Amino acid sequence: MKNLPDSKIPELSLILPCYNEKDNLKPVVESALKTLKEIAREFEIIIVDDGSTDGTGELAKKLAEDYPQVRLVQHPKNLGYGSALRSGFKKAKYPWLFFTDADQQFDLSEIKKLLPHLKQSPLVIGYRQTRQDKFLRRILGKIFSFLMRKIFKIKARDVNCAFKIFDRKILEGVELTSPGALINTELLYRAKQKGIEPIEVAVSHFPRKTGKPSGGSFRVIFRAGWETIRLIYHFWREKIQASCS
């Protein structure tokens, strides 16, 4: 975006997927409201409650009633991180999409670090400079990012870092399908297909203060493995169909 000022963006949709984040959601939304008022002329915050059972949904409804910029999407049951993001992307009305997590592990104001780079690329992604998670999650994250880079030939040192901003035109003509952790990989791969390479920016990461992380369990690891196989097959079929048409 050649005409994009260093610190302003015309219209921005923030997608906040959340699952059982009752104690974290309000401070994250309040931080987002403060920051987005400073950096966007028009904005919306889309909370996607992915079938929470701890009262997150009720709190999200209250926030949507209190703040006109806040909208709520609710899943009747837990469908997965990727499904939550996909629902948010579909509901978003503005041309620039930004997503992060509702767990207070990111500083929303650091979106200001990403904005100047949109002049060079329509996809700017954060990487956790010092990841503040348990040792096992950090190791699994490094292995996951390494595998995704090798398998899908994408460029990202921290594939699943939930701090990304992009032009929604990247999604035009394609449909994201991943219900879980592979959503980030799929987004980066679709951008690569359109000749778009991301610009990476270091962002801060903080220890989780409250709530339980949903990643890192054997169930999530198994699901990610299955999603990887499914995505490889999906892209392979696309190439075969394209070569036959």
Protein backbone atom coordinates (compact mmCIF):
# COMPACT_ATOMS: atom_id res chain seq x y z
CA MET A 1 0.00 0.00 0.00
CA LYS A 2 1.98 2.95 -1.27
CA ASN A 3 -0.35 5.53 0.24
CA LEU A 4 -0.54 3.93 3.67
CA PRO A 5 0.78 6.25 6.41
CA ASP A 6 3.30 4.76 8.81
CA SER A 7 0.88 4.78 11.75
CA LYS A 8 -2.62 4.70 10.22
CA ILE A 9 -4.69 2.18 8.32
CA PRO A 10 -8.01 3.13 6.70
CA GLU A 11 -10.24 0.20 7.66
CA LEU A 12 -9.34 -2.80 9.79
CA SER A 13 -11.10 -5.90 11.11
CA LEU A 14 -9.58 -7.56 14.17
CA ILE A 15 -10.54 -11.22 14.65
CA LEU A 16 -10.27 -12.61 18.17
CA PRO A 17 -10.83 -16.38 18.32
CA CYS A 18 -11.36 -17.57 21.87
CA TYR A 19 -12.17 -20.75 23.74
CA ASN A 20 -12.68 -20.56 27.50
CA GLU A 21 -10.96 -17.19 27.94
CA LYS A 22 -13.45 -15.55 30.33
CA ASP A 23 -10.76 -13.98 32.53
CA ASN A 24 -8.69 -12.73 29.59
CA LEU A 25 -11.25 -11.53 27.07
CA LYS A 26 -12.28 -8.20 28.58
CA PRO A 27 -8.75 -6.77 29.07
CA VAL A 28 -7.81 -7.91 25.56
CA VAL A 29 -10.85 -6.21 24.02
CA GLU A 30 -10.27 -3.03 26.03
CA SER A 31 -6.64 -2.96 24.93
CA ALA A 32 -7.71 -3.51 21.33
CA LEU A 33 -10.25 -0.69 21.47
CA LYS A 34 -7.62 1.72 22.77
CA THR A 35 -5.02 0.74 20.19
CA LEU A 36 -7.28 0.54 17.16
CA LYS A 37 -8.70 3.99 17.86
CA GLU A 38 -5.15 5.27 17.50
CA ILE A 39 -4.17 3.43 14.31
CA ALA A 40 -7.36 2.95 12.25
CA ARG A 41 -9.93 5.38 10.93
CA GLU A 42 -12.60 2.66 10.90
CA PHE A 43 -12.38 -0.67 12.68
CA GLU A 44 -14.30 -3.57 14.13
CA ILE A 45 -13.47 -6.28 16.63
CA ILE A 46 -14.96 -9.68 15.86
CA ILE A 47 -14.97 -12.03 18.82
CA VAL A 48 -15.38 -15.65 17.75
CA ASP A 49 -16.49 -17.72 20.71
CA ASP A 50 -15.60 -21.27 19.72
CA GLY A 51 -18.09 -23.13 21.90
CA SER A 52 -16.74 -21.95 25.26
CA THR A 53 -18.16 -23.51 28.42
CA ASP A 54 -16.79 -21.11 31.07
CA GLY A 55 -18.96 -18.05 30.48
CA THR A 56 -16.82 -16.55 27.71
CA GLY A 57 -19.83 -16.41 25.43
CA GLU A 58 -21.95 -14.46 27.92
CA LEU A 59 -19.12 -12.00 28.52
CA ALA A 60 -18.63 -11.58 24.78
CA LYS A 61 -22.32 -10.75 24.38
CA LYS A 62 -22.00 -8.08 27.07
CA LEU A 63 -18.94 -6.57 25.36
CA ALA A 64 -20.79 -6.49 22.04
CA GLU A 65 -23.67 -4.67 23.74
CA ASP A 66 -21.36 -2.17 25.45
CA TYR A 67 -19.15 -1.30 22.48
CA PRO A 68 -20.54 -0.65 18.98
CA GLN A 69 -17.24 -1.67 17.38
CA VAL A 70 -17.47 -5.17 18.87
CA ARG A 71 -19.29 -7.96 17.03
CA LEU A 72 -19.82 -11.54 18.15
CA VAL A 73 -19.78 -14.82 16.27
CA GLN A 74 -20.61 -17.93 18.29
CA HIS A 75 -20.10 -21.60 17.50
CA PRO A 76 -22.57 -23.93 19.23
CA LYS A 77 -19.68 -26.31 19.96
CA ASN A 78 -15.91 -26.26 19.84
CA LEU A 79 -14.88 -26.55 16.18
CA GLY A 80 -11.20 -25.67 16.42
CA TYR A 81 -8.91 -22.68 16.07
CA GLY A 82 -8.92 -22.71 12.29
CA SER A 83 -12.69 -22.88 12.13
CA ALA A 84 -12.92 -19.91 14.49
CA LEU A 85 -10.60 -17.82 12.33
CA ARG A 86 -12.41 -18.81 9.15
CA SER A 87 -15.73 -17.71 10.68
CA GLY A 88 -14.17 -14.40 11.65
CA PHE A 89 -12.69 -13.82 8.21
CA LYS A 90 -16.07 -14.46 6.58
CA LYS A 91 -17.87 -12.00 8.88
CA ALA A 92 -15.24 -9.27 8.59
CA LYS A 93 -16.34 -6.28 6.52
CA TYR A 94 -13.09 -4.34 6.13
CA PRO A 95 -10.26 -4.88 3.61
CA TRP A 96 -7.47 -5.36 6.14
CA LEU A 97 -7.63 -8.34 8.49
CA PHE A 98 -5.63 -8.73 11.67
CA PHE A 99 -5.88 -11.61 14.10
CA THR A 100 -4.43 -12.44 17.46
CA ASP A 101 -5.33 -14.54 20.48
CA ALA A 102 -7.51 -13.56 23.42
CA ASP A 103 -5.14 -14.94 26.07
CA GLN A 104 -3.20 -11.76 26.97
CA GLN A 105 0.07 -13.23 25.71
CA PHE A 106 0.48 -10.48 23.12
CA ASP A 107 0.62 -6.70 23.40
CA LEU A 108 -2.05 -5.39 21.02
CA SER A 109 -0.28 -2.03 20.74
CA GLU A 110 2.57 -3.77 18.91
CA ILE A 111 0.44 -3.88 15.78
CA LYS A 112 2.04 -0.47 15.27
CA LYS A 113 5.29 -2.31 14.55
CA LEU A 114 3.65 -4.14 11.65
CA LEU A 115 1.86 -1.30 9.88
CA PRO A 116 4.85 0.45 8.19
CA HIS A 117 5.80 -2.83 6.50
CA LEU A 118 2.48 -3.03 4.65
CA LYS A 119 4.08 -0.68 2.12
CA GLN A 120 6.36 -3.56 1.09
CA SER A 121 4.01 -6.53 1.42
CA PRO A 122 0.26 -7.10 1.95
CA LEU A 123 1.13 -9.77 4.51
CA VAL A 124 3.05 -8.88 7.67
CA ILE A 125 3.46 -11.49 10.39
CA GLY A 126 4.86 -11.43 13.87
CA TYR A 127 7.28 -13.88 15.39
CA ARG A 128 7.65 -14.33 19.12
CA GLN A 129 11.04 -12.89 19.95
CA THR A 130 11.19 -14.76 23.26
CA ARG A 131 8.37 -17.26 23.52
CA GLN A 132 6.99 -17.42 27.07
CA ASP A 133 5.50 -20.91 27.11
CA LYS A 134 6.48 -24.14 28.80
CA PHE A 135 9.54 -25.91 27.45
CA LEU A 136 7.60 -28.68 25.70
CA ARG A 137 5.35 -26.21 23.85
CA ARG A 138 8.37 -24.20 22.72
CA ILE A 139 10.09 -27.32 21.37
CA LEU A 140 6.94 -28.54 19.64
CA GLY A 141 6.46 -25.10 18.13
CA LYS A 142 9.97 -25.09 16.66
CA ILE A 143 9.50 -28.59 15.24
CA PHE A 144 6.13 -27.64 13.77
CA SER A 145 7.47 -24.50 12.10
CA PHE A 146 10.45 -26.42 10.70
CA LEU A 147 8.20 -29.10 9.21
CA MET A 148 5.81 -26.58 7.69
CA ARG A 149 8.69 -24.70 6.06
CA LYS A 150 10.09 -27.91 4.59
CA ILE A 151 6.81 -29.48 3.49
CA PHE A 152 5.00 -26.44 2.13
CA LYS A 153 8.01 -24.25 1.22
CA ILE A 154 6.69 -21.27 3.16
CA LYS A 155 8.86 -18.60 4.73
CA ALA A 156 8.08 -18.03 8.40
CA ARG A 157 10.26 -18.67 11.41
CA ASP A 158 7.23 -18.85 13.73
CA VAL A 159 4.40 -20.20 11.60
CA ASN A 160 1.72 -20.29 14.29
CA CYS A 161 2.43 -16.92 15.87
CA ALA A 162 -1.03 -15.38 16.30
CA PHE A 163 -0.09 -11.85 15.28
CA LYS A 164 -0.73 -11.40 11.56
CA ILE A 165 -2.15 -8.63 9.39
CA PHE A 166 -2.99 -9.05 5.71
CA ASP A 167 -5.00 -7.77 2.78
CA ARG A 168 -8.17 -9.84 2.43
CA LYS A 169 -7.49 -10.00 -1.33
CA ILE A 170 -5.14 -12.86 -0.45
CA LEU A 171 -8.27 -14.92 0.23
CA GLU A 172 -9.99 -14.00 -3.05
CA GLY A 173 -10.58 -17.05 -5.23
CA VAL A 174 -9.49 -19.50 -2.52
CA GLU A 175 -11.20 -21.12 0.41
CA LEU A 176 -9.36 -21.89 3.62
CA THR A 177 -10.33 -25.34 4.88
CA SER A 178 -8.20 -26.12 7.93
CA PRO A 179 -10.27 -26.52 11.11
CA GLY A 180 -7.31 -26.42 13.48
CA ALA A 181 -3.63 -25.52 13.79
CA LEU A 182 -2.85 -25.73 10.06
CA ILE A 183 -4.84 -22.56 9.32
CA ASN A 184 -1.69 -20.43 9.56
CA THR A 185 0.19 -22.74 7.21
CA GLU A 186 -2.68 -22.68 4.74
CA LEU A 187 -2.87 -18.88 4.80
CA LEU A 188 0.88 -18.54 4.17
CA TYR A 189 0.76 -21.13 1.39
CA ARG A 190 -2.15 -19.39 -0.35
CA ALA A 191 -0.25 -16.12 -0.19
CA LYS A 192 2.82 -17.83 -1.68
CA GLN A 193 0.69 -19.13 -4.56
CA LYS A 194 -0.10 -15.50 -5.38
CA GLY A 195 3.56 -14.51 -5.29
CA ILE A 196 3.31 -12.86 -1.86
CA GLU A 197 6.08 -13.33 0.67
CA PRO A 198 5.46 -12.21 4.25
CA ILE A 199 7.52 -9.66 6.10
CA GLU A 200 8.38 -10.87 9.59
CA VAL A 201 8.50 -8.59 12.61
CA ALA A 202 9.58 -9.48 16.14
CA VAL A 203 6.84 -9.07 18.75
CA SER A 204 6.75 -9.51 22.50
CA HIS A 205 5.26 -12.59 24.11
CA PHE A 206 4.14 -12.91 27.72
CA PRO A 207 3.41 -15.79 30.09
CA ARG A 208 -0.22 -16.80 30.35
CA LYS A 209 -1.65 -15.30 33.54
CA THR A 210 -4.92 -17.21 33.68
CA GLY A 211 -6.81 -19.89 31.78
CA LYS A 212 -5.51 -23.05 30.21
CA PRO A 213 -3.71 -23.27 26.85
CA SER A 214 -5.44 -25.49 24.30
CA GLY A 215 -2.31 -26.40 22.34
CA GLY A 216 0.42 -28.89 23.18
CA SER A 217 -1.74 -31.86 24.20
CA PHE A 218 -1.36 -35.22 22.47
CA ARG A 219 -4.87 -34.81 21.05
CA VAL A 220 -3.90 -31.50 19.44
CA ILE A 221 -0.60 -32.94 18.16
CA PHE A 222 -2.39 -35.92 16.60
CA ARG A 223 -4.97 -33.61 15.05
CA ALA A 224 -2.25 -31.39 13.60
CA GLY A 225 -0.57 -34.44 12.07
CA TRP A 226 -3.82 -35.53 10.47
CA GLU A 227 -4.50 -32.00 9.21
CA THR A 228 -1.02 -31.88 7.65
CA ILE A 229 -1.69 -35.07 5.67
CA ARG A 230 -5.10 -33.75 4.67
CA LEU A 231 -3.66 -30.43 3.51
CA ILE A 232 -0.90 -32.10 1.49
CA TYR A 233 -3.53 -34.21 -0.25
CA HIS A 234 -5.77 -31.18 -0.80
CA PHE A 235 -3.01 -29.17 -2.49
CA TRP A 236 -1.88 -32.21 -4.51
CA ARG A 237 -5.39 -32.65 -5.88
CA GLU A 238 -5.51 -28.97 -6.80
CA LYS A 239 -2.30 -29.30 -8.81
CA ILE A 240 -3.57 -32.42 -10.60
CA GLN A 241 -6.86 -30.74 -11.47
CA ALA A 242 -5.07 -27.63 -12.69
CA SER A 243 -2.75 -29.65 -14.92
CA CYS A 244 -5.70 -31.51 -16.43
CA SER A 245 -7.77 -28.40 -17.17
